[in-house]
Amino acid sequence: MYACMSLFVCLFVCLFVVDCWDGPDNNPIIYHGHTLTSKIRFYDVIKCIRDHAFVTSEYPVILSLEQHCDIPQQQVMARQFKEIFGGAYTLWSVMVVTLYHIHLNGAF
């Protein structure tokens, strides 16, 4: 599925949103939580993104990780991310930002 998604032409940037959850044997998994979607290994997803994301586009890839893993599995994810992407990534420290609905002149 992720391989097929990355074949779409990206206009300015490719965005992948992945829901990360604790998996068996300390292997994080990706799936849309609390649904009947298939569960796939985090390792397989990021390897597929690395191998296919730039096939049809030279533009940047943004991975949005929705983190539901405990600390030990987050550490596994960090190691796997470094292993798969090596030095070919920029890692930003992201803080949780709460967006407030702003009512401006009845526009919203």
N, C-alpha and C. Protein backbone atom coordinates (compact mmCIF):
# COMPACT_ATOMS: atom_id res chain seq x y z
N MET A 1 0.82 -1.18 0.00
CA MET A 1 0.00 0.00 0.00
C MET A 1 0.87 1.26 0.00
N TYR A 2 1.86 1.35 0.89
CA TYR A 2 2.70 2.54 0.94
C TYR A 2 3.50 2.70 -0.35
N ALA A 3 3.91 1.57 -0.96
CA ALA A 3 4.64 1.67 -2.21
C ALA A 3 3.76 2.27 -3.29
N CYS A 4 2.51 1.87 -3.35
CA CYS A 4 1.59 2.43 -4.34
C CYS A 4 1.34 3.90 -4.08
N MET A 5 1.18 4.28 -2.83
CA MET A 5 0.91 5.67 -2.50
C MET A 5 2.06 6.57 -2.92
N SER A 6 3.28 6.10 -2.82
CA SER A 6 4.42 6.94 -3.12
C SER A 6 4.61 7.14 -4.62
N LEU A 7 3.88 6.40 -5.44
CA LEU A 7 4.01 6.56 -6.89
C LEU A 7 3.18 7.71 -7.43
N PHE A 8 2.35 8.33 -6.60
CA PHE A 8 1.61 9.50 -7.03
C PHE A 8 2.59 10.64 -7.27
N VAL A 9 2.30 11.46 -8.27
CA VAL A 9 3.16 12.60 -8.54
C VAL A 9 2.98 13.63 -7.44
N CYS A 10 4.09 14.08 -6.89
CA CYS A 10 4.05 15.08 -5.83
C CYS A 10 4.30 16.45 -6.45
N LEU A 11 3.45 17.40 -6.15
CA LEU A 11 3.61 18.73 -6.72
C LEU A 11 4.75 19.49 -6.05
N PHE A 12 4.79 19.53 -4.73
CA PHE A 12 5.83 20.26 -4.02
C PHE A 12 6.50 19.43 -2.93
N VAL A 13 5.76 18.51 -2.37
CA VAL A 13 6.28 17.69 -1.28
C VAL A 13 5.42 16.43 -1.17
N CYS A 14 6.00 15.34 -0.75
CA CYS A 14 5.25 14.10 -0.51
C CYS A 14 5.05 13.98 1.00
N LEU A 15 3.83 13.74 1.42
CA LEU A 15 3.51 13.64 2.83
C LEU A 15 2.98 12.24 3.13
N PHE A 16 3.58 11.59 4.12
CA PHE A 16 3.11 10.30 4.59
C PHE A 16 2.74 10.45 6.06
N VAL A 17 1.51 10.12 6.40
CA VAL A 17 1.07 10.15 7.79
C VAL A 17 0.96 8.71 8.25
N VAL A 18 1.72 8.38 9.28
CA VAL A 18 1.72 7.00 9.75
C VAL A 18 1.40 6.95 11.24
N ASP A 19 0.48 6.09 11.61
CA ASP A 19 0.09 5.87 13.00
C ASP A 19 0.94 4.74 13.57
N CYS A 20 1.78 5.05 14.54
CA CYS A 20 2.72 4.10 15.11
C CYS A 20 2.18 3.57 16.44
N TRP A 21 2.18 2.24 16.59
CA TRP A 21 1.65 1.59 17.79
C TRP A 21 2.63 0.52 18.27
N ASP A 22 2.52 0.18 19.55
CA ASP A 22 3.33 -0.91 20.09
C ASP A 22 2.99 -2.20 19.37
N GLY A 23 4.02 -2.93 18.97
CA GLY A 23 3.82 -4.20 18.30
C GLY A 23 4.40 -5.35 19.10
N PRO A 24 4.19 -6.56 18.61
CA PRO A 24 4.71 -7.74 19.31
C PRO A 24 6.23 -7.81 19.21
N ASP A 25 6.84 -8.44 20.18
CA ASP A 25 8.29 -8.66 20.19
C ASP A 25 9.09 -7.36 20.05
N ASN A 26 8.58 -6.29 20.63
CA ASN A 26 9.24 -4.99 20.61
C ASN A 26 9.47 -4.46 19.19
N ASN A 27 8.59 -4.81 18.26
CA ASN A 27 8.64 -4.31 16.89
C ASN A 27 7.43 -3.42 16.64
N PRO A 28 7.63 -2.09 16.58
CA PRO A 28 6.52 -1.18 16.36
C PRO A 28 5.77 -1.51 15.07
N ILE A 29 4.47 -1.24 15.08
CA ILE A 29 3.64 -1.50 13.91
C ILE A 29 2.91 -0.23 13.50
N ILE A 30 2.43 -0.26 12.26
CA ILE A 30 1.69 0.86 11.69
C ILE A 30 0.29 0.36 11.34
N TYR A 31 -0.70 1.09 11.81
CA TYR A 31 -2.08 0.84 11.40
C TYR A 31 -2.94 1.99 11.89
N HIS A 32 -4.13 2.09 11.37
CA HIS A 32 -5.05 3.13 11.81
C HIS A 32 -5.73 2.60 13.07
N GLY A 33 -5.30 3.09 14.22
CA GLY A 33 -5.71 2.55 15.52
C GLY A 33 -7.20 2.37 15.72
N HIS A 34 -7.53 1.34 16.46
CA HIS A 34 -8.90 1.00 16.85
C HIS A 34 -9.81 0.78 15.64
N THR A 35 -9.24 0.28 14.57
CA THR A 35 -10.00 -0.07 13.37
C THR A 35 -9.59 -1.47 12.92
N LEU A 36 -10.19 -1.94 11.86
CA LEU A 36 -9.89 -3.27 11.35
C LEU A 36 -8.83 -3.25 10.25
N THR A 37 -8.06 -2.16 10.15
CA THR A 37 -7.04 -2.10 9.11
C THR A 37 -5.90 -3.08 9.41
N SER A 38 -5.18 -3.44 8.38
CA SER A 38 -4.04 -4.36 8.54
C SER A 38 -2.92 -3.70 9.32
N LYS A 39 -2.16 -4.51 10.03
CA LYS A 39 -1.02 -4.04 10.79
C LYS A 39 0.25 -4.44 10.05
N ILE A 40 1.13 -3.46 9.82
CA ILE A 40 2.39 -3.74 9.14
C ILE A 40 3.54 -3.17 9.99
N ARG A 41 4.69 -3.78 9.85
CA ARG A 41 5.84 -3.38 10.67
C ARG A 41 6.34 -1.99 10.29
N PHE A 42 6.67 -1.19 11.27
CA PHE A 42 7.25 0.14 11.06
C PHE A 42 8.48 0.04 10.16
N TYR A 43 9.33 -0.94 10.44
CA TYR A 43 10.56 -1.15 9.67
C TYR A 43 10.24 -1.30 8.18
N ASP A 44 9.25 -2.12 7.86
CA ASP A 44 8.89 -2.36 6.46
C ASP A 44 8.36 -1.09 5.79
N VAL A 45 7.60 -0.31 6.53
CA VAL A 45 7.02 0.92 5.97
C VAL A 45 8.11 1.93 5.65
N ILE A 46 9.02 2.19 6.59
CA ILE A 46 10.02 3.21 6.31
C ILE A 46 11.03 2.73 5.25
N LYS A 47 11.26 1.43 5.18
CA LYS A 47 12.14 0.91 4.12
C LYS A 47 11.47 1.09 2.75
N CYS A 48 10.18 0.84 2.69
CA CYS A 48 9.44 1.02 1.44
C CYS A 48 9.42 2.49 1.02
N ILE A 49 9.24 3.38 1.99
CA ILE A 49 9.26 4.81 1.68
C ILE A 49 10.64 5.20 1.14
N ARG A 50 11.69 4.73 1.79
CA ARG A 50 13.05 5.04 1.31
C ARG A 50 13.26 4.54 -0.11
N ASP A 51 12.78 3.34 -0.40
CA ASP A 51 13.02 2.73 -1.71
C ASP A 51 12.16 3.29 -2.82
N HIS A 52 10.99 3.88 -2.49
CA HIS A 52 10.05 4.26 -3.54
C HIS A 52 9.63 5.72 -3.56
N ALA A 53 9.87 6.47 -2.51
CA ALA A 53 9.32 7.83 -2.42
C ALA A 53 9.85 8.77 -3.49
N PHE A 54 11.05 8.54 -3.98
CA PHE A 54 11.64 9.46 -4.95
C PHE A 54 11.59 8.93 -6.38
N VAL A 55 10.80 7.91 -6.62
CA VAL A 55 10.72 7.33 -7.97
C VAL A 55 10.11 8.32 -8.96
N THR A 56 9.05 9.01 -8.57
CA THR A 56 8.38 9.92 -9.50
C THR A 56 8.57 11.38 -9.15
N SER A 57 9.32 11.68 -8.09
CA SER A 57 9.47 13.06 -7.67
C SER A 57 10.81 13.26 -6.97
N GLU A 58 11.39 14.42 -7.21
CA GLU A 58 12.63 14.77 -6.52
C GLU A 58 12.36 15.66 -5.31
N TYR A 59 11.10 15.93 -5.04
CA TYR A 59 10.74 16.82 -3.96
C TYR A 59 10.87 16.16 -2.59
N PRO A 60 10.93 16.96 -1.54
CA PRO A 60 11.10 16.40 -0.18
C PRO A 60 9.96 15.48 0.24
N VAL A 61 10.28 14.61 1.16
CA VAL A 61 9.30 13.71 1.75
C VAL A 61 9.15 14.10 3.21
N ILE A 62 7.91 14.26 3.65
CA ILE A 62 7.64 14.55 5.05
C ILE A 62 6.93 13.34 5.65
N LEU A 63 7.50 12.82 6.72
CA LEU A 63 6.87 11.73 7.44
C LEU A 63 6.25 12.31 8.71
N SER A 64 4.96 12.20 8.82
CA SER A 64 4.27 12.64 10.02
C SER A 64 3.96 11.39 10.83
N LEU A 65 4.65 11.24 11.96
CA LEU A 65 4.50 10.05 12.79
C LEU A 65 3.55 10.35 13.94
N GLU A 66 2.40 9.71 13.90
CA GLU A 66 1.46 9.83 15.01
C GLU A 66 1.86 8.76 16.01
N GLN A 67 2.47 9.20 17.11
CA GLN A 67 3.14 8.31 18.03
C GLN A 67 2.22 7.81 19.15
N HIS A 68 2.03 6.48 19.21
CA HIS A 68 1.26 5.85 20.27
C HIS A 68 2.10 4.80 21.00
N CYS A 69 3.40 4.74 20.69
CA CYS A 69 4.27 3.72 21.25
C CYS A 69 4.83 4.13 22.61
N ASP A 70 5.15 3.11 23.42
CA ASP A 70 5.82 3.39 24.68
C ASP A 70 7.28 3.75 24.39
N ILE A 71 8.00 4.19 25.41
CA ILE A 71 9.38 4.67 25.24
C ILE A 71 10.31 3.60 24.64
N PRO A 72 10.28 2.34 25.12
CA PRO A 72 11.18 1.34 24.53
C PRO A 72 10.93 1.15 23.02
N GLN A 73 9.68 1.16 22.60
CA GLN A 73 9.42 0.98 21.16
C GLN A 73 9.73 2.24 20.37
N GLN A 74 9.64 3.41 21.00
CA GLN A 74 10.08 4.63 20.33
C GLN A 74 11.58 4.58 20.10
N GLN A 75 12.32 4.01 21.05
CA GLN A 75 13.77 3.86 20.88
C GLN A 75 14.08 2.90 19.74
N VAL A 76 13.29 1.84 19.61
CA VAL A 76 13.45 0.91 18.48
C VAL A 76 13.21 1.65 17.17
N MET A 77 12.16 2.45 17.15
CA MET A 77 11.85 3.22 15.94
C MET A 77 13.00 4.15 15.57
N ALA A 78 13.57 4.82 16.55
CA ALA A 78 14.69 5.74 16.29
C ALA A 78 15.88 4.99 15.69
N ARG A 79 16.19 3.83 16.25
CA ARG A 79 17.31 3.02 15.72
C ARG A 79 17.02 2.57 14.29
N GLN A 80 15.80 2.10 14.05
CA GLN A 80 15.43 1.64 12.71
C GLN A 80 15.45 2.79 11.71
N PHE A 81 14.98 3.95 12.13
CA PHE A 81 14.96 5.12 11.26
C PHE A 81 16.38 5.48 10.84
N LYS A 82 17.31 5.50 11.79
CA LYS A 82 18.70 5.82 11.48
C LYS A 82 19.32 4.75 10.58
N GLU A 83 18.97 3.49 10.84
CA GLU A 83 19.50 2.39 10.03
C GLU A 83 19.02 2.49 8.58
N ILE A 84 17.74 2.74 8.40
CA ILE A 84 17.15 2.76 7.06
C ILE A 84 17.56 4.01 6.28
N PHE A 85 17.46 5.18 6.90
CA PHE A 85 17.71 6.43 6.19
C PHE A 85 19.14 6.92 6.29
N GLY A 86 19.92 6.35 7.20
CA GLY A 86 21.31 6.78 7.33
C GLY A 86 21.40 8.28 7.52
N GLY A 87 22.24 8.94 6.75
CA GLY A 87 22.39 10.39 6.85
C GLY A 87 21.51 11.15 5.88
N ALA A 88 20.59 10.45 5.24
CA ALA A 88 19.78 11.09 4.19
C ALA A 88 18.48 11.68 4.73
N TYR A 89 18.53 12.24 5.92
CA TYR A 89 17.31 12.82 6.47
C TYR A 89 17.66 14.00 7.37
N THR A 90 16.68 14.84 7.56
CA THR A 90 16.77 15.92 8.53
C THR A 90 15.71 15.64 9.57
N LEU A 91 16.10 15.58 10.81
CA LEU A 91 15.16 15.27 11.88
C LEU A 91 14.86 16.54 12.65
N TRP A 92 13.59 16.91 12.65
CA TRP A 92 13.17 18.09 13.39
C TRP A 92 12.59 17.65 14.71
N SER A 93 12.87 18.40 15.74
CA SER A 93 12.25 18.16 17.03
C SER A 93 10.88 18.85 16.99
N VAL A 94 9.86 18.08 17.21
CA VAL A 94 8.51 18.61 17.07
C VAL A 94 7.85 18.72 18.44
N MET A 95 7.29 19.85 18.70
CA MET A 95 6.53 20.04 19.93
C MET A 95 5.05 19.94 19.60
N VAL A 96 4.30 19.48 20.56
CA VAL A 96 2.86 19.39 20.35
C VAL A 96 2.29 20.80 20.35
N VAL A 97 1.55 21.10 19.33
CA VAL A 97 0.96 22.43 19.20
C VAL A 97 -0.55 22.27 19.20
N THR A 98 -1.19 23.03 20.03
CA THR A 98 -2.64 23.02 20.06
C THR A 98 -3.14 24.16 19.20
N LEU A 99 -3.94 23.82 18.22
CA LEU A 99 -4.50 24.85 17.35
C LEU A 99 -5.88 25.22 17.87
N TYR A 100 -6.06 26.48 18.04
CA TYR A 100 -7.34 26.96 18.53
C TYR A 100 -8.17 27.47 17.36
N HIS A 101 -9.42 27.15 17.41
CA HIS A 101 -10.34 27.65 16.40
C HIS A 101 -10.54 29.15 16.65
N ILE A 102 -10.22 29.94 15.65
CA ILE A 102 -10.33 31.40 15.79
C ILE A 102 -11.52 31.87 14.98
N HIS A 103 -12.37 32.58 15.62
CA HIS A 103 -13.56 33.11 14.96
C HIS A 103 -13.25 34.51 14.46
N LEU A 104 -13.15 34.66 13.16
CA LEU A 104 -12.85 35.97 12.58
C LEU A 104 -14.01 36.42 11.69
N ASN A 105 -14.72 37.39 12.12
CA ASN A 105 -15.79 38.01 11.35
C ASN A 105 -16.75 36.99 10.75
N GLY A 106 -17.06 35.96 11.50
CA GLY A 106 -18.02 34.96 11.03
C GLY A 106 -17.51 34.09 9.90
N ALA A 107 -16.18 34.14 9.62
CA ALA A 107 -15.62 33.36 8.53
C ALA A 107 -15.59 31.88 8.82
N PHE A 108 -15.58 31.47 10.10
CA PHE A 108 -15.48 30.07 10.45
C PHE A 108 -16.78 29.57 11.04
